[in-house]
mmCIF file of all heavy atoms, coordinates in Angstrom:
data_MODEL
# 
_entry.id   MODEL 
# 
loop_
_atom_site.group_PDB 
_atom_site.id 
_atom_site.type_symbol 
_atom_site.label_atom_id 
_atom_site.label_alt_id 
_atom_site.label_comp_id 
_atom_site.label_asym_id 
_atom_site.label_entity_id 
_atom_site.label_seq_id 
_atom_site.pdbx_PDB_ins_code 
_atom_site.Cartn_x 
_atom_site.Cartn_y 
_atom_site.Cartn_z 
_atom_site.occupancy 
_atom_site.B_iso_or_equiv 
_atom_site.pdbx_formal_charge 
_atom_site.auth_seq_id 
_atom_site.auth_comp_id 
_atom_site.auth_asym_id 
_atom_site.auth_atom_id 
_atom_site.pdbx_PDB_model_num 
ATOM 1   N N   . LEU A 1 1  ? 12.929 -1.872  -6.634  1.00 0.00 ? 1  LEU A N   1 
ATOM 2   C CA  . LEU A 1 1  ? 14.105 -2.772  -6.328  1.00 0.00 ? 1  LEU A CA  1 
ATOM 3   C C   . LEU A 1 1  ? 13.815 -4.184  -6.314  1.00 0.00 ? 1  LEU A C   1 
ATOM 4   O O   . LEU A 1 1  ? 14.709 -5.016  -6.687  1.00 0.00 ? 1  LEU A O   1 
ATOM 5   C CB  . LEU A 1 1  ? 14.604 -2.314  -4.850  1.00 0.00 ? 1  LEU A CB  1 
ATOM 6   C CG  . LEU A 1 1  ? 15.235 -0.985  -4.650  1.00 0.00 ? 1  LEU A CG  1 
ATOM 7   C CD1 . LEU A 1 1  ? 15.473 -0.710  -3.283  1.00 0.00 ? 1  LEU A CD1 1 
ATOM 8   C CD2 . LEU A 1 1  ? 16.448 -0.923  -5.589  1.00 0.00 ? 1  LEU A CD2 1 
ATOM 9   N N   . LEU A 1 2  ? 12.574 -4.612  -6.187  1.00 0.00 ? 2  LEU A N   1 
ATOM 10  C CA  . LEU A 1 2  ? 12.202 -6.102  -6.106  1.00 0.00 ? 2  LEU A CA  1 
ATOM 11  C C   . LEU A 1 2  ? 11.634 -6.655  -7.406  1.00 0.00 ? 2  LEU A C   1 
ATOM 12  O O   . LEU A 1 2  ? 11.495 -7.862  -7.563  1.00 0.00 ? 2  LEU A O   1 
ATOM 13  C CB  . LEU A 1 2  ? 11.382 -6.431  -4.926  1.00 0.00 ? 2  LEU A CB  1 
ATOM 14  C CG  . LEU A 1 2  ? 12.149 -6.045  -3.508  1.00 0.00 ? 2  LEU A CG  1 
ATOM 15  C CD1 . LEU A 1 2  ? 11.132 -6.368  -2.357  1.00 0.00 ? 2  LEU A CD1 1 
ATOM 16  C CD2 . LEU A 1 2  ? 13.396 -6.789  -3.348  1.00 0.00 ? 2  LEU A CD2 1 
ATOM 17  N N   . ASN A 1 3  ? 11.185 -5.719  -8.254  1.00 0.00 ? 3  ASN A N   1 
ATOM 18  C CA  . ASN A 1 3  ? 10.325 -6.211  -9.357  1.00 0.00 ? 3  ASN A CA  1 
ATOM 19  C C   . ASN A 1 3  ? 10.933 -5.872  -10.700 1.00 0.00 ? 3  ASN A C   1 
ATOM 20  O O   . ASN A 1 3  ? 10.115 -5.511  -11.562 1.00 0.00 ? 3  ASN A O   1 
ATOM 21  C CB  . ASN A 1 3  ? 8.899  -5.814  -9.197  1.00 0.00 ? 3  ASN A CB  1 
ATOM 22  C CG  . ASN A 1 3  ? 8.229  -6.301  -7.960  1.00 0.00 ? 3  ASN A CG  1 
ATOM 23  O OD1 . ASN A 1 3  ? 8.274  -7.589  -7.822  1.00 0.00 ? 3  ASN A OD1 1 
ATOM 24  N ND2 . ASN A 1 3  ? 7.771  -5.486  -7.186  1.00 0.00 ? 3  ASN A ND2 1 
ATOM 25  N N   . ASN A 1 4  ? 12.213 -5.631  -10.805 1.00 0.00 ? 4  ASN A N   1 
ATOM 26  C CA  . ASN A 1 4  ? 12.810 -5.149  -11.997 1.00 0.00 ? 4  ASN A CA  1 
ATOM 27  C C   . ASN A 1 4  ? 14.028 -6.014  -12.549 1.00 0.00 ? 4  ASN A C   1 
ATOM 28  O O   . ASN A 1 4  ? 15.002 -5.465  -12.910 1.00 0.00 ? 4  ASN A O   1 
ATOM 29  C CB  . ASN A 1 4  ? 13.184 -3.682  -11.961 1.00 0.00 ? 4  ASN A CB  1 
ATOM 30  C CG  . ASN A 1 4  ? 11.930 -2.753  -12.112 1.00 0.00 ? 4  ASN A CG  1 
ATOM 31  O OD1 . ASN A 1 4  ? 11.375 -2.489  -13.201 1.00 0.00 ? 4  ASN A OD1 1 
ATOM 32  N ND2 . ASN A 1 4  ? 11.575 -2.267  -10.927 1.00 0.00 ? 4  ASN A ND2 1 
ATOM 33  N N   . GLY A 1 5  ? 13.978 -7.314  -12.217 1.00 0.00 ? 5  GLY A N   1 
ATOM 34  C CA  . GLY A 1 5  ? 15.007 -8.112  -12.730 1.00 0.00 ? 5  GLY A CA  1 
ATOM 35  C C   . GLY A 1 5  ? 16.095 -8.462  -11.748 1.00 0.00 ? 5  GLY A C   1 
ATOM 36  O O   . GLY A 1 5  ? 16.148 -7.912  -10.655 1.00 0.00 ? 5  GLY A O   1 
ATOM 37  N N   . ILE A 1 6  ? 16.784 -9.511  -12.016 1.00 0.00 ? 6  ILE A N   1 
ATOM 38  C CA  . ILE A 1 6  ? 17.797 -10.084 -11.148 1.00 0.00 ? 6  ILE A CA  1 
ATOM 39  C C   . ILE A 1 6  ? 18.949 -9.087  -10.783 1.00 0.00 ? 6  ILE A C   1 
ATOM 40  O O   . ILE A 1 6  ? 19.375 -9.002  -9.655  1.00 0.00 ? 6  ILE A O   1 
ATOM 41  C CB  . ILE A 1 6  ? 18.460 -11.380 -11.759 1.00 0.00 ? 6  ILE A CB  1 
ATOM 42  C CG1 . ILE A 1 6  ? 19.404 -12.042 -10.653 1.00 0.00 ? 6  ILE A CG1 1 
ATOM 43  C CG2 . ILE A 1 6  ? 19.241 -10.998 -13.066 1.00 0.00 ? 6  ILE A CG2 1 
ATOM 44  C CD1 . ILE A 1 6  ? 18.680 -12.444 -9.493  1.00 0.00 ? 6  ILE A CD1 1 
ATOM 45  N N   . PHE A 1 7  ? 19.318 -8.263  -11.743 1.00 0.00 ? 7  PHE A N   1 
ATOM 46  C CA  . PHE A 1 7  ? 20.434 -7.316  -11.481 1.00 0.00 ? 7  PHE A CA  1 
ATOM 47  C C   . PHE A 1 7  ? 20.083 -6.110  -10.365 1.00 0.00 ? 7  PHE A C   1 
ATOM 48  O O   . PHE A 1 7  ? 20.693 -5.757  -9.547  1.00 0.00 ? 7  PHE A O   1 
ATOM 49  C CB  . PHE A 1 7  ? 20.960 -6.593  -12.792 1.00 0.00 ? 7  PHE A CB  1 
ATOM 50  C CG  . PHE A 1 7  ? 21.675 -7.624  -13.569 1.00 0.00 ? 7  PHE A CG  1 
ATOM 51  C CD1 . PHE A 1 7  ? 21.117 -8.068  -14.849 1.00 0.00 ? 7  PHE A CD1 1 
ATOM 52  C CD2 . PHE A 1 7  ? 22.992 -8.221  -13.259 1.00 0.00 ? 7  PHE A CD2 1 
ATOM 53  C CE1 . PHE A 1 7  ? 21.771 -9.054  -15.614 1.00 0.00 ? 7  PHE A CE1 1 
ATOM 54  C CE2 . PHE A 1 7  ? 23.590 -9.069  -14.100 1.00 0.00 ? 7  PHE A CE2 1 
ATOM 55  C CZ  . PHE A 1 7  ? 22.964 -9.483  -15.220 1.00 0.00 ? 7  PHE A CZ  1 
ATOM 56  N N   . THR A 1 8  ? 18.801 -5.884  -10.606 1.00 0.00 ? 8  THR A N   1 
ATOM 57  C CA  . THR A 1 8  ? 18.210 -4.763  -9.665  1.00 0.00 ? 8  THR A CA  1 
ATOM 58  C C   . THR A 1 8  ? 18.108 -5.433  -8.246  1.00 0.00 ? 8  THR A C   1 
ATOM 59  O O   . THR A 1 8  ? 18.468 -4.682  -7.261  1.00 0.00 ? 8  THR A O   1 
ATOM 60  C CB  . THR A 1 8  ? 16.829 -4.285  -10.168 1.00 0.00 ? 8  THR A CB  1 
ATOM 61  O OG1 . THR A 1 8  ? 16.907 -3.791  -11.467 1.00 0.00 ? 8  THR A OG1 1 
ATOM 62  C CG2 . THR A 1 8  ? 16.306 -3.155  -9.281  1.00 0.00 ? 8  THR A CG2 1 
ATOM 63  N N   . LYS A 1 9  ? 17.740 -6.676  -8.240  1.00 0.00 ? 9  LYS A N   1 
ATOM 64  C CA  . LYS A 1 9  ? 17.625 -7.311  -6.980  1.00 0.00 ? 9  LYS A CA  1 
ATOM 65  C C   . LYS A 1 9  ? 19.047 -7.473  -6.315  1.00 0.00 ? 9  LYS A C   1 
ATOM 66  O O   . LYS A 1 9  ? 19.165 -7.265  -5.081  1.00 0.00 ? 9  LYS A O   1 
ATOM 67  C CB  . LYS A 1 9  ? 16.990 -8.675  -7.110  1.00 0.00 ? 9  LYS A CB  1 
ATOM 68  C CG  . LYS A 1 9  ? 15.516 -8.669  -7.327  1.00 0.00 ? 9  LYS A CG  1 
ATOM 69  C CD  . LYS A 1 9  ? 14.927 -10.081 -7.390  1.00 0.00 ? 9  LYS A CD  1 
ATOM 70  C CE  . LYS A 1 9  ? 13.363 -10.032 -7.644  1.00 0.00 ? 9  LYS A CE  1 
ATOM 71  N NZ  . LYS A 1 9  ? 12.852 -11.357 -7.754  1.00 0.00 ? 9  LYS A NZ  1 
ATOM 72  N N   . MET A 1 10 ? 20.022 -7.629  -7.075  1.00 0.00 ? 10 MET A N   1 
ATOM 73  C CA  . MET A 1 10 ? 21.308 -7.739  -6.516  1.00 0.00 ? 10 MET A CA  1 
ATOM 74  C C   . MET A 1 10 ? 21.857 -6.447  -6.019  1.00 0.00 ? 10 MET A C   1 
ATOM 75  O O   . MET A 1 10 ? 22.459 -6.268  -5.071  1.00 0.00 ? 10 MET A O   1 
ATOM 76  C CB  . MET A 1 10 ? 22.266 -8.303  -7.644  1.00 0.00 ? 10 MET A CB  1 
ATOM 77  C CG  . MET A 1 10 ? 22.128 -9.684  -8.027  1.00 0.00 ? 10 MET A CG  1 
ATOM 78  S SD  . MET A 1 10 ? 23.079 -10.143 -9.579  1.00 0.00 ? 10 MET A SD  1 
ATOM 79  C CE  . MET A 1 10 ? 24.781 -10.009 -8.800  1.00 0.00 ? 10 MET A CE  1 
ATOM 80  N N   . GLY A 1 11 ? 21.513 -5.433  -6.758  1.00 0.00 ? 11 GLY A N   1 
ATOM 81  C CA  . GLY A 1 11 ? 21.816 -4.111  -6.280  1.00 0.00 ? 11 GLY A CA  1 
ATOM 82  C C   . GLY A 1 11 ? 21.127 -3.702  -5.020  1.00 0.00 ? 11 GLY A C   1 
ATOM 83  O O   . GLY A 1 11 ? 21.640 -3.157  -4.068  1.00 0.00 ? 11 GLY A O   1 
ATOM 84  N N   . ALA A 1 12 ? 19.807 -4.240  -4.946  1.00 0.00 ? 12 ALA A N   1 
ATOM 85  C CA  . ALA A 1 12 ? 19.024 -3.914  -3.733  1.00 0.00 ? 12 ALA A CA  1 
ATOM 86  C C   . ALA A 1 12 ? 19.683 -4.549  -2.450  1.00 0.00 ? 12 ALA A C   1 
ATOM 87  O O   . ALA A 1 12 ? 19.699 -4.031  -1.352  1.00 0.00 ? 12 ALA A O   1 
ATOM 88  C CB  . ALA A 1 12 ? 17.615 -4.458  -3.907  1.00 0.00 ? 12 ALA A CB  1 
ATOM 89  N N   . ALA A 1 13 ? 20.284 -5.859  -2.588  1.00 0.00 ? 13 ALA A N   1 
ATOM 90  C CA  . ALA A 1 13 ? 21.016 -6.500  -1.610  1.00 0.00 ? 13 ALA A CA  1 
ATOM 91  C C   . ALA A 1 13 ? 22.144 -5.772  -1.102  1.00 0.00 ? 13 ALA A C   1 
ATOM 92  O O   . ALA A 1 13 ? 22.506 -5.668  0.102   1.00 0.00 ? 13 ALA A O   1 
ATOM 93  C CB  . ALA A 1 13 ? 21.320 -7.894  -2.066  1.00 0.00 ? 13 ALA A CB  1 
ATOM 94  N N   . ILE A 1 14 ? 22.842 -4.988  -2.014  1.00 0.00 ? 14 ILE A N   1 
ATOM 95  C CA  . ILE A 1 14 ? 24.080 -4.303  -1.682  1.00 0.00 ? 14 ILE A CA  1 
ATOM 96  C C   . ILE A 1 14 ? 23.697 -3.177  -0.880  1.00 0.00 ? 14 ILE A C   1 
ATOM 97  O O   . ILE A 1 14 ? 24.399 -2.674  0.114   1.00 0.00 ? 14 ILE A O   1 
ATOM 98  C CB  . ILE A 1 14 ? 24.806 -3.938  -2.965  1.00 0.00 ? 14 ILE A CB  1 
ATOM 99  C CG1 . ILE A 1 14 ? 25.406 -5.121  -3.534  1.00 0.00 ? 14 ILE A CG1 1 
ATOM 100 C CG2 . ILE A 1 14 ? 25.885 -2.892  -2.684  1.00 0.00 ? 14 ILE A CG2 1 
ATOM 101 C CD1 . ILE A 1 14 ? 25.902 -4.858  -5.090  1.00 0.00 ? 14 ILE A CD1 1 
ATOM 102 N N   . VAL A 1 15 ? 22.608 -2.326  -1.262  1.00 0.00 ? 15 VAL A N   1 
ATOM 103 C CA  . VAL A 1 15 ? 22.311 -1.162  -0.585  1.00 0.00 ? 15 VAL A CA  1 
ATOM 104 C C   . VAL A 1 15 ? 21.226 -1.431  0.608   1.00 0.00 ? 15 VAL A C   1 
ATOM 105 O O   . VAL A 1 15 ? 20.736 -0.510  1.283   1.00 0.00 ? 15 VAL A O   1 
ATOM 106 C CB  . VAL A 1 15 ? 21.558 -0.043  -1.542  1.00 0.00 ? 15 VAL A CB  1 
ATOM 107 C CG1 . VAL A 1 15 ? 22.551 0.240   -2.654  1.00 0.00 ? 15 VAL A CG1 1 
ATOM 108 C CG2 . VAL A 1 15 ? 20.374 -0.660  -2.136  1.00 0.00 ? 15 VAL A CG2 1 
ATOM 109 N N   . SER A 1 16 ? 21.075 -2.612  0.891   1.00 0.00 ? 16 SER A N   1 
ATOM 110 C CA  . SER A 1 16 ? 20.003 -2.977  1.862   1.00 0.00 ? 16 SER A CA  1 
ATOM 111 C C   . SER A 1 16 ? 20.260 -2.312  3.313   1.00 0.00 ? 16 SER A C   1 
ATOM 112 O O   . SER A 1 16 ? 19.393 -1.862  3.925   1.00 0.00 ? 16 SER A O   1 
ATOM 113 C CB  . SER A 1 16 ? 19.975 -4.526  2.117   1.00 0.00 ? 16 SER A CB  1 
ATOM 114 O OG  . SER A 1 16 ? 19.133 -4.823  3.045   1.00 0.00 ? 16 SER A OG  1 
ATOM 115 N N   . PRO A 1 17 ? 21.565 -2.351  3.745   1.00 0.00 ? 17 PRO A N   1 
ATOM 116 C CA  . PRO A 1 17 ? 21.739 -1.708  5.077   1.00 0.00 ? 17 PRO A CA  1 
ATOM 117 C C   . PRO A 1 17 ? 21.417 -0.238  5.136   1.00 0.00 ? 17 PRO A C   1 
ATOM 118 O O   . PRO A 1 17 ? 20.924 0.200   6.078   1.00 0.00 ? 17 PRO A O   1 
ATOM 119 C CB  . PRO A 1 17 ? 23.373 -1.896  5.220   1.00 0.00 ? 17 PRO A CB  1 
ATOM 120 C CG  . PRO A 1 17 ? 23.705 -3.047  4.485   1.00 0.00 ? 17 PRO A CG  1 
ATOM 121 C CD  . PRO A 1 17 ? 22.699 -2.993  3.204   1.00 0.00 ? 17 PRO A CD  1 
ATOM 122 N N   . SER A 1 18 ? 21.627 0.425   3.991   1.00 0.00 ? 18 SER A N   1 
ATOM 123 C CA  . SER A 1 18 ? 21.264 1.970   3.979   1.00 0.00 ? 18 SER A CA  1 
ATOM 124 C C   . SER A 1 18 ? 19.716 2.028   3.915   1.00 0.00 ? 18 SER A C   1 
ATOM 125 O O   . SER A 1 18 ? 19.207 3.053   4.495   1.00 0.00 ? 18 SER A O   1 
ATOM 126 C CB  . SER A 1 18 ? 21.871 2.556   2.613   1.00 0.00 ? 18 SER A CB  1 
ATOM 127 O OG  . SER A 1 18 ? 23.231 2.563   2.765   1.00 0.00 ? 18 SER A OG  1 
ATOM 128 N N   . LEU A 1 19 ? 19.086 1.148   3.154   1.00 0.00 ? 19 LEU A N   1 
ATOM 129 C CA  . LEU A 1 19 ? 17.644 1.194   3.086   1.00 0.00 ? 19 LEU A CA  1 
ATOM 130 C C   . LEU A 1 19 ? 17.036 0.891   4.552   1.00 0.00 ? 19 LEU A C   1 
ATOM 131 O O   . LEU A 1 19 ? 15.868 1.555   4.838   1.00 0.00 ? 19 LEU A O   1 
ATOM 132 C CB  . LEU A 1 19 ? 17.050 0.306   2.122   1.00 0.00 ? 19 LEU A CB  1 
ATOM 133 C CG  . LEU A 1 19 ? 17.580 0.562   0.734   1.00 0.00 ? 19 LEU A CG  1 
ATOM 134 C CD1 . LEU A 1 19 ? 16.906 -0.595  -0.293  1.00 0.00 ? 19 LEU A CD1 1 
ATOM 135 C CD2 . LEU A 1 19 ? 16.952 1.886   0.298   1.00 0.00 ? 19 LEU A CD2 1 
ATOM 136 N N   . LYS A 1 20 ? 17.681 0.074   5.257   1.00 0.00 ? 20 LYS A N   1 
ATOM 137 C CA  . LYS A 1 20 ? 17.172 -0.153  6.640   1.00 0.00 ? 20 LYS A CA  1 
ATOM 138 C C   . LYS A 1 20 ? 17.194 1.060   7.479   1.00 0.00 ? 20 LYS A C   1 
ATOM 139 O O   . LYS A 1 20 ? 16.239 1.299   8.318   1.00 0.00 ? 20 LYS A O   1 
ATOM 140 C CB  . LYS A 1 20 ? 17.929 -1.292  7.352   1.00 0.00 ? 20 LYS A CB  1 
ATOM 141 C CG  . LYS A 1 20 ? 17.631 -2.641  6.777   1.00 0.00 ? 20 LYS A CG  1 
ATOM 142 C CD  . LYS A 1 20 ? 18.405 -3.787  7.463   1.00 0.00 ? 20 LYS A CD  1 
ATOM 143 C CE  . LYS A 1 20 ? 18.090 -5.148  6.939   1.00 0.00 ? 20 LYS A CE  1 
ATOM 144 N NZ  . LYS A 1 20 ? 18.860 -6.215  7.586   1.00 0.00 ? 20 LYS A NZ  1 
ATOM 145 N N   . GLY A 1 21 ? 18.221 1.889   7.286   1.00 0.00 ? 21 GLY A N   1 
ATOM 146 C CA  . GLY A 1 21 ? 18.347 3.135   8.053   1.00 0.00 ? 21 GLY A CA  1 
ATOM 147 C C   . GLY A 1 21 ? 17.183 4.045   7.692   1.00 0.00 ? 21 GLY A C   1 
ATOM 148 O O   . GLY A 1 21 ? 16.736 4.772   8.453   1.00 0.00 ? 21 GLY A O   1 
ATOM 149 N N   . LEU A 1 22 ? 16.903 4.047   6.368   1.00 0.00 ? 22 LEU A N   1 
ATOM 150 C CA  . LEU A 1 22 ? 15.703 4.879   5.965   1.00 0.00 ? 22 LEU A CA  1 
ATOM 151 C C   . LEU A 1 22 ? 14.465 4.432   6.523   1.00 0.00 ? 22 LEU A C   1 
ATOM 152 O O   . LEU A 1 22 ? 13.618 5.237   6.867   1.00 0.00 ? 22 LEU A O   1 
ATOM 153 C CB  . LEU A 1 22 ? 15.700 4.888   4.358   1.00 0.00 ? 22 LEU A CB  1 
ATOM 154 C CG  . LEU A 1 22 ? 14.619 5.715   3.680   1.00 0.00 ? 22 LEU A CG  1 
ATOM 155 C CD1 . LEU A 1 22 ? 14.858 7.133   3.870   1.00 0.00 ? 22 LEU A CD1 1 
ATOM 156 C CD2 . LEU A 1 22 ? 14.537 5.398   2.121   1.00 0.00 ? 22 LEU A CD2 1 
ATOM 157 N N   . LYS A 1 23 ? 14.227 3.178   6.457   1.00 0.00 ? 23 LYS A N   1 
ATOM 158 C CA  . LYS A 1 23 ? 13.067 2.601   7.095   1.00 0.00 ? 23 LYS A CA  1 
ATOM 159 C C   . LYS A 1 23 ? 12.927 2.865   8.588   1.00 0.00 ? 23 LYS A C   1 
ATOM 160 O O   . LYS A 1 23 ? 11.836 3.290   9.023   1.00 0.00 ? 23 LYS A O   1 
ATOM 161 C CB  . LYS A 1 23 ? 12.989 1.124   6.834   1.00 0.00 ? 23 LYS A CB  1 
ATOM 162 C CG  . LYS A 1 23 ? 11.670 0.448   7.412   1.00 0.00 ? 23 LYS A CG  1 
ATOM 163 C CD  . LYS A 1 23 ? 11.600 -1.143  7.185   1.00 0.00 ? 23 LYS A CD  1 
ATOM 164 C CE  . LYS A 1 23 ? 10.430 -1.749  7.663   1.00 0.00 ? 23 LYS A CE  1 
ATOM 165 N NZ  . LYS A 1 23 ? 10.503 -3.189  7.419   1.00 0.00 ? 23 LYS A NZ  1 
ATOM 166 N N   . LYS A 1 24 ? 14.042 2.912   9.178   1.00 0.00 ? 24 LYS A N   1 
ATOM 167 C CA  . LYS A 1 24 ? 13.988 3.197   10.616  1.00 0.00 ? 24 LYS A CA  1 
ATOM 168 C C   . LYS A 1 24 ? 13.721 4.656   10.910  1.00 0.00 ? 24 LYS A C   1 
ATOM 169 O O   . LYS A 1 24 ? 12.993 5.007   11.949  1.00 0.00 ? 24 LYS A O   1 
ATOM 170 C CB  . LYS A 1 24 ? 15.499 2.879   11.264  1.00 0.00 ? 24 LYS A CB  1 
ATOM 171 C CG  . LYS A 1 24 ? 15.615 3.047   12.765  1.00 0.00 ? 24 LYS A CG  1 
ATOM 172 C CD  . LYS A 1 24 ? 16.918 2.749   13.253  1.00 0.00 ? 24 LYS A CD  1 
ATOM 173 C CE  . LYS A 1 24 ? 16.927 2.935   14.818  1.00 0.00 ? 24 LYS A CE  1 
ATOM 174 N NZ  . LYS A 1 24 ? 18.473 2.562   15.368  1.00 0.00 ? 24 LYS A NZ  1 
# 
């Protein structure tokens, strides 16, 4: 999510809340 270009990073920002749930 963080090392594959600007568009991937933008996508990562969108799904960030869901990823926080996974991390939790």
